[in-house]
N, C-alpha and C. Protein backbone atom coordinates (compact mmCIF):
# COMPACT_ATOMS: atom_id res chain seq x y z
N UNK A 1 -85.62 70.36 -44.54
CA UNK A 1 -84.89 71.58 -44.12
C UNK A 1 -82.87 71.32 -44.39
N UNK A 2 -82.78 72.28 -44.99
CA UNK A 2 -80.97 72.06 -45.06
C UNK A 2 -80.74 72.38 -43.78
N UNK A 3 -78.97 71.96 -43.84
CA UNK A 3 -78.51 72.42 -42.67
C UNK A 3 -78.36 73.83 -43.13
N UNK A 4 -77.46 74.39 -41.80
CA UNK A 4 -77.00 75.52 -42.00
C UNK A 4 -75.48 75.47 -43.20
N UNK A 5 -74.69 74.86 -43.25
CA UNK A 5 -73.68 74.47 -43.72
C UNK A 5 -73.87 74.01 -45.15
N UNK A 6 -74.99 73.40 -44.87
CA UNK A 6 -75.59 72.84 -46.48
C UNK A 6 -75.60 74.40 -47.36
N UNK A 7 -76.63 75.29 -46.93
CA UNK A 7 -76.97 76.38 -47.32
C UNK A 7 -75.29 76.93 -47.14
N UNK A 8 -75.00 77.24 -46.95
CA UNK A 8 -73.42 78.31 -46.66
C UNK A 8 -72.62 77.40 -48.09
N UNK A 9 -72.82 76.11 -47.80
CA UNK A 9 -71.89 75.20 -49.12
C UNK A 9 -71.92 74.83 -50.34
N UNK A 10 -73.49 75.45 -50.75
CA UNK A 10 -74.47 75.98 -51.52
C UNK A 10 -73.13 75.88 -53.30
N UNK A 11 -74.02 75.31 -54.06
CA UNK A 11 -72.74 75.52 -55.69
C UNK A 11 -73.32 76.46 -56.28
N UNK A 12 -72.91 77.50 -55.37
CA UNK A 12 -73.07 79.04 -56.57
C UNK A 12 -71.65 79.97 -56.23
N UNK A 13 -71.34 79.82 -57.50
CA UNK A 13 -69.72 80.36 -57.85
C UNK A 13 -70.12 82.28 -57.73
N UNK A 14 -68.88 82.47 -57.28
CA UNK A 14 -68.60 84.04 -57.03
C UNK A 14 -69.19 84.79 -57.92
N UNK A 15 -69.24 84.29 -59.41
CA UNK A 15 -69.32 84.92 -60.49
C UNK A 15 -70.90 85.29 -60.18
N UNK A 16 -71.15 84.56 -59.67
CA UNK A 16 -73.06 84.59 -59.55
C UNK A 16 -73.59 85.46 -58.10
N UNK A 17 -72.53 86.01 -57.63
CA UNK A 17 -72.70 87.36 -56.48
C UNK A 17 -72.54 86.27 -55.02
N UNK A 18 -71.77 85.15 -54.94
CA UNK A 18 -71.74 84.45 -54.11
C UNK A 18 -72.47 83.58 -53.28
N UNK A 19 -72.55 82.74 -52.95
CA UNK A 19 -72.93 81.96 -51.81
C UNK A 19 -74.34 82.73 -51.44
N UNK A 20 -74.56 83.57 -50.75
CA UNK A 20 -75.56 84.31 -49.98
C UNK A 20 -76.80 84.91 -51.53
N UNK A 21 -76.17 85.22 -51.93
CA UNK A 21 -76.46 85.82 -53.09
C UNK A 21 -77.68 84.89 -54.07
N UNK A 22 -76.80 84.32 -54.60
CA UNK A 22 -77.29 83.04 -54.57
C UNK A 22 -78.41 81.96 -54.17
N UNK A 23 -77.98 81.90 -52.93
CA UNK A 23 -79.19 81.27 -52.23
C UNK A 23 -80.72 82.18 -52.37
N UNK A 24 -80.19 84.04 -52.27
CA UNK A 24 -81.53 84.49 -52.55
C UNK A 24 -82.08 84.58 -54.14
N UNK A 25 -80.97 84.09 -54.78
CA UNK A 25 -81.97 84.10 -56.12
C UNK A 25 -82.88 82.66 -55.85
N UNK A 26 -82.52 81.72 -55.21
CA UNK A 26 -83.13 80.03 -55.29
C UNK A 26 -84.26 80.68 -54.52
N UNK A 27 -84.63 81.43 -53.48
CA UNK A 27 -85.68 82.19 -52.75
C UNK A 27 -86.49 83.04 -53.98
N UNK A 28 -85.78 83.14 -54.78
CA UNK A 28 -86.93 84.19 -55.70
C UNK A 28 -87.00 85.94 -55.28
N UNK A 29 -85.79 86.19 -54.25
CA UNK A 29 -85.51 87.36 -53.57
C UNK A 29 -84.49 87.76 -54.18
N UNK A 30 -85.00 88.92 -54.73
CA UNK A 30 -84.06 89.98 -55.27
C UNK A 30 -83.93 91.44 -54.08
N UNK A 31 -82.84 91.57 -53.46
CA UNK A 31 -82.60 92.41 -52.62
C UNK A 31 -83.22 93.86 -53.07
N UNK A 32 -83.77 95.14 -52.83
CA UNK A 32 -83.86 96.46 -52.78
C UNK A 32 -82.68 97.23 -52.45
N UNK A 33 -82.91 98.15 -52.93
CA UNK A 33 -81.69 98.92 -52.60
C UNK A 33 -81.58 99.41 -50.97
N UNK A 34 -80.99 99.32 -50.05
CA UNK A 34 -81.25 100.01 -49.00
C UNK A 34 -82.00 101.00 -48.90
N UNK A 35 -82.81 101.06 -47.50
CA UNK A 35 -83.81 102.18 -47.25
C UNK A 35 -83.23 103.44 -47.17
N UNK A 36 -83.49 104.23 -48.05
CA UNK A 36 -82.81 105.71 -47.79
C UNK A 36 -82.80 106.40 -45.89
N UNK A 37 -81.72 106.70 -44.93
CA UNK A 37 -82.17 107.23 -43.16
C UNK A 37 -82.97 108.29 -43.58
N UNK A 38 -83.73 107.96 -42.70
CA UNK A 38 -84.59 109.08 -42.67
C UNK A 38 -83.89 110.65 -41.38
N UNK A 39 -82.66 110.15 -40.99
CA UNK A 39 -82.52 110.77 -39.92
C UNK A 39 -80.82 110.80 -40.32
N UNK A 40 -79.82 111.24 -39.36
CA UNK A 40 -78.43 111.50 -39.13
C UNK A 40 -77.62 110.23 -38.67
N UNK A 41 -77.55 108.67 -39.47
CA UNK A 41 -77.40 107.84 -38.81
C UNK A 41 -76.93 107.27 -40.38
N UNK A 42 -75.93 106.27 -39.75
CA UNK A 42 -75.50 104.83 -41.29
C UNK A 42 -76.37 104.04 -41.06
N UNK A 43 -76.12 102.99 -42.34
CA UNK A 43 -76.49 101.98 -42.37
C UNK A 43 -75.95 100.45 -40.96
N UNK A 44 -74.88 101.06 -40.93
CA UNK A 44 -75.00 99.69 -40.10
C UNK A 44 -72.83 100.40 -39.76
N UNK A 45 -72.75 99.56 -38.08
CA UNK A 45 -71.10 99.99 -37.96
C UNK A 45 -70.71 98.45 -37.92
N UNK A 46 -69.60 98.04 -38.01
CA UNK A 46 -68.76 97.14 -38.42
C UNK A 46 -67.64 97.52 -36.96
N UNK A 47 -67.68 96.58 -36.48
CA UNK A 47 -66.77 96.78 -34.92
C UNK A 47 -66.88 95.26 -33.89
N UNK A 48 -65.03 94.64 -34.22
CA UNK A 48 -64.62 93.78 -33.58
C UNK A 48 -65.40 92.44 -34.24
N UNK A 49 -65.47 92.26 -35.32
CA UNK A 49 -66.71 90.94 -35.88
C UNK A 49 -67.36 91.48 -35.92
N UNK A 50 -68.04 92.40 -35.62
CA UNK A 50 -69.92 92.44 -35.46
C UNK A 50 -70.29 93.04 -36.15
N UNK A 51 -71.52 93.09 -36.58
CA UNK A 51 -72.24 94.44 -37.55
C UNK A 51 -73.37 94.98 -37.26
N UNK A 52 -73.84 95.75 -36.28
CA UNK A 52 -74.68 96.35 -35.57
C UNK A 52 -75.30 97.28 -36.91
N UNK A 53 -76.40 96.64 -37.50
CA UNK A 53 -77.21 97.40 -38.37
C UNK A 53 -78.40 98.26 -37.48
N UNK A 54 -78.30 99.54 -38.19
CA UNK A 54 -80.03 100.29 -37.75
C UNK A 54 -81.05 99.70 -37.81
N UNK A 55 -81.70 100.44 -37.30
CA UNK A 55 -83.21 99.98 -37.03
C UNK A 55 -83.73 100.01 -39.03
N UNK A 56 -84.59 99.52 -38.99
CA UNK A 56 -85.13 99.87 -40.70
C UNK A 56 -86.75 99.54 -40.27
N UNK A 57 -87.52 99.43 -41.21
CA UNK A 57 -88.51 99.14 -41.44
C UNK A 57 -89.32 98.25 -42.73
N UNK A 58 -89.89 97.83 -43.20
CA UNK A 58 -90.44 96.96 -43.82
C UNK A 58 -90.91 97.89 -45.25
N UNK A 59 -90.07 99.01 -46.01
CA UNK A 59 -90.23 100.02 -46.86
C UNK A 59 -89.78 99.06 -48.37
N UNK A 60 -90.66 99.64 -49.76
CA UNK A 60 -90.23 99.18 -50.56
C UNK A 60 -90.24 100.63 -51.66
N UNK A 61 -88.73 100.64 -52.63
CA UNK A 61 -89.07 101.17 -53.08
C UNK A 61 -90.47 101.81 -54.02
N UNK A 62 -90.99 103.30 -54.35
CA UNK A 62 -91.78 102.94 -55.83
C UNK A 62 -91.11 104.09 -56.52
N UNK A 63 -92.30 104.25 -57.18
CA UNK A 63 -91.91 104.81 -58.86
C UNK A 63 -90.73 105.94 -58.66
N UNK A 64 -91.04 106.38 -57.84
CA UNK A 64 -90.42 107.94 -57.48
C UNK A 64 -88.92 107.60 -56.90
N UNK A 65 -88.87 106.61 -56.06
CA UNK A 65 -87.43 106.22 -55.80
C UNK A 65 -88.05 106.61 -54.17
N UNK A 66 -88.82 106.77 -53.77
CA UNK A 66 -89.02 107.29 -52.35
C UNK A 66 -89.60 105.78 -51.68
N UNK A 67 -88.89 105.70 -50.22
CA UNK A 67 -89.18 104.35 -49.43
C UNK A 67 -90.57 104.93 -48.78
N UNK A 68 -91.73 103.67 -49.44
CA UNK A 68 -93.36 103.07 -48.77
C UNK A 68 -93.00 102.09 -48.08
N UNK A 69 -94.39 102.22 -46.96
CA UNK A 69 -94.70 101.20 -46.80
C UNK A 69 -95.71 100.40 -47.35
N UNK A 70 -96.02 99.89 -47.97
CA UNK A 70 -97.07 98.65 -47.91
C UNK A 70 -97.98 98.32 -47.07
N UNK A 71 -97.39 98.06 -46.22
CA UNK A 71 -98.56 97.84 -45.24
C UNK A 71 -98.30 98.69 -43.81
N UNK A 72 -99.59 99.51 -43.55
CA UNK A 72 -99.53 100.75 -42.50
C UNK A 72 -100.24 100.76 -41.75
N UNK A 73 -100.05 100.66 -40.49
CA UNK A 73 -101.23 100.29 -38.82
C UNK A 73 -100.36 99.77 -38.11
N UNK A 74 -101.82 99.75 -37.05
CA UNK A 74 -101.30 98.54 -36.15
C UNK A 74 -102.38 97.46 -36.31
N UNK A 75 -101.17 96.29 -35.94
CA UNK A 75 -101.01 94.65 -35.64
C UNK A 75 -102.71 94.69 -34.56
N UNK A 76 -103.81 93.57 -35.30
CA UNK A 76 -104.73 93.57 -34.02
C UNK A 76 -106.27 94.63 -34.77
N UNK A 77 -105.77 95.68 -35.26
CA UNK A 77 -106.55 96.25 -35.40
C UNK A 77 -106.76 96.83 -37.24
N UNK A 78 -105.42 96.82 -37.67
CA UNK A 78 -105.36 97.62 -39.17
C UNK A 78 -104.78 96.38 -39.88
N UNK A 79 -104.16 95.58 -38.95
CA UNK A 79 -103.69 94.04 -40.13
C UNK A 79 -103.78 93.53 -39.40
N UNK A 80 -103.55 92.32 -40.36
CA UNK A 80 -103.93 91.00 -39.79
C UNK A 80 -102.16 90.11 -39.70
N UNK A 81 -102.06 89.53 -39.05
CA UNK A 81 -100.67 88.72 -38.89
C UNK A 81 -99.84 88.25 -39.45
N UNK A 82 -101.14 88.19 -40.76
CA UNK A 82 -100.17 87.93 -42.16
C UNK A 82 -99.63 88.82 -42.96
N UNK A 83 -100.35 89.59 -42.66
CA UNK A 83 -99.92 91.62 -42.91
C UNK A 83 -98.36 91.67 -42.18
N UNK A 84 -98.41 91.90 -40.95
CA UNK A 84 -97.23 91.97 -40.00
C UNK A 84 -96.24 91.29 -41.11
N UNK A 85 -96.47 90.16 -40.72
CA UNK A 85 -95.77 88.61 -41.48
C UNK A 85 -94.90 89.43 -42.52
N UNK A 86 -95.21 89.64 -43.34
CA UNK A 86 -95.01 90.40 -44.64
C UNK A 86 -94.28 91.50 -44.50
N UNK A 87 -94.58 92.35 -43.48
CA UNK A 87 -94.06 93.56 -43.67
C UNK A 87 -92.25 92.92 -42.81
N UNK A 88 -92.44 92.09 -41.81
CA UNK A 88 -91.36 91.79 -41.35
C UNK A 88 -90.61 90.99 -42.05
N UNK A 89 -90.79 90.32 -42.73
CA UNK A 89 -90.10 89.72 -44.24
C UNK A 89 -89.06 90.92 -45.26
N UNK A 90 -90.13 92.21 -45.26
CA UNK A 90 -89.76 93.11 -46.23
C UNK A 90 -88.43 94.08 -45.07
N UNK A 91 -88.54 94.04 -44.34
CA UNK A 91 -87.97 94.66 -43.44
C UNK A 91 -86.70 93.59 -43.05
N UNK A 92 -86.79 92.71 -42.84
CA UNK A 92 -85.13 91.97 -43.00
C UNK A 92 -84.86 91.86 -44.35
N UNK A 93 -85.56 91.86 -45.34
CA UNK A 93 -85.10 91.77 -47.38
C UNK A 93 -84.02 93.30 -46.78
N UNK A 94 -84.48 94.61 -46.23
CA UNK A 94 -84.13 95.73 -46.22
C UNK A 94 -82.91 95.77 -45.28
N UNK A 95 -82.62 95.07 -43.72
CA UNK A 95 -81.37 94.31 -43.30
C UNK A 95 -80.35 94.02 -43.99
N UNK A 96 -80.82 93.04 -44.49
CA UNK A 96 -79.66 92.14 -46.11
C UNK A 96 -79.96 93.45 -46.54
N UNK A 97 -79.81 94.12 -47.08
CA UNK A 97 -79.56 95.53 -48.20
C UNK A 97 -79.00 96.46 -47.59
N UNK A 98 -78.49 96.63 -46.05
CA UNK A 98 -78.08 97.48 -45.80
C UNK A 98 -76.68 96.52 -45.44
N UNK A 99 -76.79 95.34 -44.86
CA UNK A 99 -75.35 94.70 -44.53
C UNK A 99 -74.71 94.51 -46.04
N UNK A 100 -75.09 94.28 -47.10
CA UNK A 100 -74.66 94.30 -48.37
C UNK A 100 -74.01 95.28 -48.59
N UNK A 101 -74.55 96.75 -48.48
CA UNK A 101 -74.19 98.33 -48.43
C UNK A 101 -73.21 98.11 -47.39
N UNK A 102 -73.25 97.68 -46.07
CA UNK A 102 -71.82 98.15 -45.33
C UNK A 102 -70.13 97.36 -45.68
N UNK A 103 -71.12 95.80 -45.74
CA UNK A 103 -70.04 94.94 -46.09
C UNK A 103 -69.65 94.51 -47.58
N UNK A 104 -70.35 95.24 -48.55
CA UNK A 104 -69.69 94.79 -49.93
C UNK A 104 -70.28 93.61 -50.64
N UNK A 105 -70.10 92.34 -49.39
CA UNK A 105 -70.40 90.79 -49.92
C UNK A 105 -70.89 90.50 -48.81
N UNK A 106 -72.44 89.46 -48.97
CA UNK A 106 -73.07 89.30 -47.57
C UNK A 106 -72.54 87.60 -47.10
N UNK A 107 -71.09 87.19 -47.89
CA UNK A 107 -70.71 86.03 -47.89
C UNK A 107 -69.73 85.88 -46.34
N UNK A 108 -69.52 87.70 -46.03
CA UNK A 108 -69.05 87.83 -44.69
C UNK A 108 -70.05 87.33 -43.64
N UNK A 109 -70.96 87.60 -44.00
CA UNK A 109 -71.54 87.08 -43.17
C UNK A 109 -71.34 85.79 -42.31
N UNK A 110 -71.67 85.48 -41.05
CA UNK A 110 -71.35 84.48 -40.46
C UNK A 110 -72.03 83.68 -39.56
N UNK A 111 -72.86 84.73 -38.80
CA UNK A 111 -74.10 84.29 -38.26
C UNK A 111 -74.79 85.52 -38.16
N UNK A 112 -76.60 84.87 -37.68
CA UNK A 112 -77.46 86.10 -37.42
C UNK A 112 -77.73 86.00 -36.25
N UNK A 113 -77.01 87.29 -35.11
CA UNK A 113 -76.85 86.78 -33.59
C UNK A 113 -77.70 87.23 -32.90
N UNK A 114 -78.69 89.20 -33.06
CA UNK A 114 -79.71 88.94 -32.92
C UNK A 114 -80.68 89.77 -33.38
N UNK A 115 -81.78 89.50 -33.41
CA UNK A 115 -83.16 90.47 -34.27
C UNK A 115 -83.95 91.26 -32.80
N UNK A 116 -83.62 92.13 -32.64
CA UNK A 116 -84.82 93.09 -31.76
C UNK A 116 -86.08 94.24 -32.79
N UNK A 117 -87.07 93.51 -32.14
CA UNK A 117 -88.11 94.19 -33.38
C UNK A 117 -89.15 94.41 -32.40
N UNK A 118 -89.67 95.09 -33.33
CA UNK A 118 -90.78 96.18 -32.11
C UNK A 118 -92.00 95.86 -33.62
N UNK A 119 -93.05 95.61 -32.55
CA UNK A 119 -94.34 95.52 -33.13
C UNK A 119 -95.36 96.56 -33.02
N UNK A 120 -95.85 97.44 -33.80
CA UNK A 120 -96.97 97.86 -33.89
C UNK A 120 -98.65 97.91 -33.31
N UNK A 121 -98.56 97.71 -32.33
CA UNK A 121 -99.83 96.77 -31.16
C UNK A 121 -101.11 97.57 -31.35
N UNK A 122 -102.46 97.12 -31.09
CA UNK A 122 -103.60 97.38 -30.76
C UNK A 122 -103.35 97.25 -29.33
N UNK A 123 -104.42 97.84 -28.60
CA UNK A 123 -104.81 97.67 -27.12
C UNK A 123 -104.84 95.54 -27.32
N UNK A 124 -104.92 94.86 -26.38
CA UNK A 124 -104.96 93.48 -26.85
C UNK A 124 -104.02 92.51 -27.75
N UNK A 125 -103.51 93.20 -28.55
CA UNK A 125 -103.03 92.34 -29.31
C UNK A 125 -101.60 91.87 -28.97
N UNK A 126 -101.40 90.21 -28.62
CA UNK A 126 -100.27 89.32 -28.14
C UNK A 126 -99.72 88.37 -29.00
N UNK A 127 -100.04 88.43 -30.74
CA UNK A 127 -99.04 88.23 -31.71
C UNK A 127 -98.37 88.23 -32.17
N UNK A 128 -96.97 89.06 -31.38
CA UNK A 128 -95.91 89.67 -32.03
C UNK A 128 -94.73 88.70 -32.56
N UNK A 129 -94.74 88.03 -31.64
CA UNK A 129 -93.61 86.74 -31.68
C UNK A 129 -94.03 85.94 -33.45
N UNK A 130 -95.37 85.51 -33.72
CA UNK A 130 -96.00 85.24 -34.85
C UNK A 130 -95.31 86.22 -35.71
N UNK A 131 -95.63 87.86 -36.00
CA UNK A 131 -95.44 88.40 -36.87
C UNK A 131 -93.88 88.47 -37.24
N UNK A 132 -92.86 88.67 -36.60
CA UNK A 132 -91.79 88.97 -36.39
C UNK A 132 -91.16 87.47 -37.14
N UNK A 133 -91.93 86.25 -37.09
CA UNK A 133 -91.62 85.02 -37.64
C UNK A 133 -91.02 85.39 -39.32
N UNK A 134 -91.59 86.20 -39.72
CA UNK A 134 -91.50 86.94 -41.08
C UNK A 134 -90.14 87.23 -41.04
N UNK A 135 -89.33 88.37 -40.43
CA UNK A 135 -88.20 88.17 -40.29
C UNK A 135 -87.26 86.95 -40.30
N UNK A 136 -87.52 86.55 -38.53
CA UNK A 136 -86.43 84.95 -38.22
C UNK A 136 -86.64 84.49 -39.66
N UNK A 137 -87.85 84.24 -40.05
CA UNK A 137 -87.84 82.69 -40.96
C UNK A 137 -87.31 82.89 -42.11
N UNK A 138 -87.38 84.50 -42.76
CA UNK A 138 -86.27 84.71 -43.83
C UNK A 138 -84.73 84.55 -43.89
N UNK A 139 -84.34 84.94 -42.44
CA UNK A 139 -83.18 84.81 -42.19
C UNK A 139 -82.65 83.10 -42.04
N UNK A 140 -83.82 82.32 -41.66
CA UNK A 140 -82.95 80.89 -42.02
C UNK A 140 -83.08 80.56 -42.72
N UNK A 141 -84.49 80.75 -43.39
CA UNK A 141 -83.72 80.47 -45.20
C UNK A 141 -83.24 80.17 -45.79
N UNK A 142 -82.65 81.95 -45.70
CA UNK A 142 -80.92 82.75 -46.64
C UNK A 142 -79.66 82.04 -45.84
N UNK A 143 -79.43 81.97 -44.32
CA UNK A 143 -78.37 81.42 -43.85
C UNK A 143 -78.42 79.94 -43.51
N UNK A 144 -79.84 79.05 -43.41
CA UNK A 144 -79.68 78.34 -42.48
C UNK A 144 -79.93 77.96 -41.48
N UNK A 145 -80.13 76.83 -40.72
CA UNK A 145 -80.77 76.93 -39.55
C UNK A 145 -79.30 77.59 -38.65
N UNK A 146 -78.13 76.80 -39.17
CA UNK A 146 -77.25 76.95 -38.15
C UNK A 146 -76.21 77.69 -38.38
N UNK A 147 -76.69 78.70 -38.98
CA UNK A 147 -76.20 80.45 -39.16
C UNK A 147 -77.14 81.52 -39.19
N UNK A 148 -78.62 81.38 -39.52
CA UNK A 148 -79.49 82.28 -39.49
C UNK A 148 -79.99 81.97 -37.76
N UNK A 149 -80.19 81.33 -36.83
CA UNK A 149 -80.84 81.16 -36.23
C UNK A 149 -80.11 82.27 -35.61
N UNK A 150 -80.80 82.75 -34.33
CA UNK A 150 -80.86 83.96 -33.91
C UNK A 150 -81.73 84.34 -32.36
N UNK A 151 -80.59 85.08 -31.56
CA UNK A 151 -81.58 85.47 -30.64
C UNK A 151 -82.40 86.53 -31.23
N UNK A 152 -83.97 86.10 -30.18
CA UNK A 152 -84.67 87.63 -30.52
C UNK A 152 -85.61 87.85 -29.44
N UNK A 153 -86.06 89.29 -29.88
CA UNK A 153 -86.94 89.96 -28.74
C UNK A 153 -87.94 90.30 -29.86
N UNK A 154 -89.43 90.41 -28.93
CA UNK A 154 -90.30 90.86 -29.84
C UNK A 154 -91.32 91.97 -28.90
N UNK A 155 -90.70 92.44 -28.94
CA UNK A 155 -91.77 93.94 -28.55
C UNK A 155 -93.02 94.64 -28.93
N UNK A 156 -93.71 94.97 -27.75
CA UNK A 156 -94.98 95.85 -28.14
C UNK A 156 -94.60 96.99 -28.46
N UNK A 157 -95.24 97.79 -29.01
CA UNK A 157 -95.29 99.31 -29.24
C UNK A 157 -96.75 99.51 -29.13
N UNK A 158 -97.01 100.97 -29.18
CA UNK A 158 -98.19 101.86 -28.95
C UNK A 158 -98.09 102.45 -30.24
N UNK A 159 -97.15 103.27 -30.49
CA UNK A 159 -97.04 103.82 -31.64
C UNK A 159 -95.55 103.24 -32.52
N UNK A 160 -95.28 103.47 -34.06
CA UNK A 160 -94.17 103.18 -34.21
C UNK A 160 -94.12 104.66 -35.33
N UNK A 161 -93.01 105.03 -35.90
CA UNK A 161 -92.76 106.16 -36.48
C UNK A 161 -93.62 105.57 -37.96
N UNK A 162 -93.99 106.78 -38.68
CA UNK A 162 -94.52 106.33 -40.53
C UNK A 162 -96.08 105.51 -39.76
N UNK A 163 -96.27 105.47 -38.67
CA UNK A 163 -97.40 104.43 -38.63
C UNK A 163 -97.19 102.61 -39.33
N UNK A 164 -95.84 102.66 -39.03
CA UNK A 164 -95.03 101.44 -39.40
C UNK A 164 -95.76 100.02 -39.08
N UNK A 165 -96.36 99.22 -39.49
CA UNK A 165 -96.87 98.23 -38.35
C UNK A 165 -95.24 97.17 -37.83
N UNK A 166 -93.94 97.36 -37.90
CA UNK A 166 -93.11 96.64 -37.75
C UNK A 166 -92.00 96.99 -37.65
N UNK A 167 -91.03 97.55 -37.18
CA UNK A 167 -89.84 98.23 -36.91
C UNK A 167 -88.47 96.60 -36.06
N UNK A 168 -87.25 97.02 -36.81
CA UNK A 168 -86.33 96.24 -36.15
C UNK A 168 -84.64 96.52 -36.19
N UNK A 169 -84.05 95.82 -35.19
CA UNK A 169 -82.42 96.55 -35.49
C UNK A 169 -82.02 94.81 -35.88
N UNK A 170 -81.00 94.76 -36.26
CA UNK A 170 -80.35 92.86 -36.60
C UNK A 170 -78.90 93.45 -36.67
N UNK A 171 -78.01 92.59 -35.58
CA UNK A 171 -76.92 92.08 -35.38
C UNK A 171 -76.52 90.86 -35.91
N UNK A 172 -75.48 91.05 -36.80
CA UNK A 172 -74.39 89.95 -37.62
C UNK A 172 -73.36 89.53 -36.84
N UNK A 173 -72.62 88.74 -37.16
CA UNK A 173 -71.39 88.48 -36.62
C UNK A 173 -70.73 88.48 -37.92
N UNK A 174 -69.52 88.79 -38.41
CA UNK A 174 -68.67 88.75 -39.94
C UNK A 174 -67.40 88.48 -39.61
N UNK A 175 -66.96 88.20 -40.86
CA UNK A 175 -65.37 87.73 -41.06
C UNK A 175 -65.09 89.30 -41.39
N UNK A 176 -63.42 89.29 -41.44
CA UNK A 176 -62.67 90.03 -41.93
C UNK A 176 -62.17 90.09 -43.15
């Protein structure tokens, strides 16, 4: 595994979208447009070198450009840990799309600080940390271990809006 500094110093030019976007391309990831807000809020608020991103799900745009959940239901009843992992990974991609919309350039991200994750869990399901690894692994793959490793809470929920399997908030340190 490359260190965080090696990831951020990767040979990708600004003409190709910057270092972080170059890393996303290497990983075969094309960021979607940010999910459409389903309430009265903004994608994120930047204050004093910190970007507080709003909560989101692992949605993807459909043919009508509506946000849809490819995975729906409760972990441990309707969905496997692998399904939840994939949903959490999509959620992290949405967070990165939201960050890009707010910052204009993902190279402004200095470090991932915290992921607060919620897992829609059936009674008795006890593997939310493994589910949220989908988001954490993606963030460390993109930013490198030194910049992508983060504090995290993996909380169990008995229900989530839209019957989403995973939801979360992401906090990033950013440079001006």
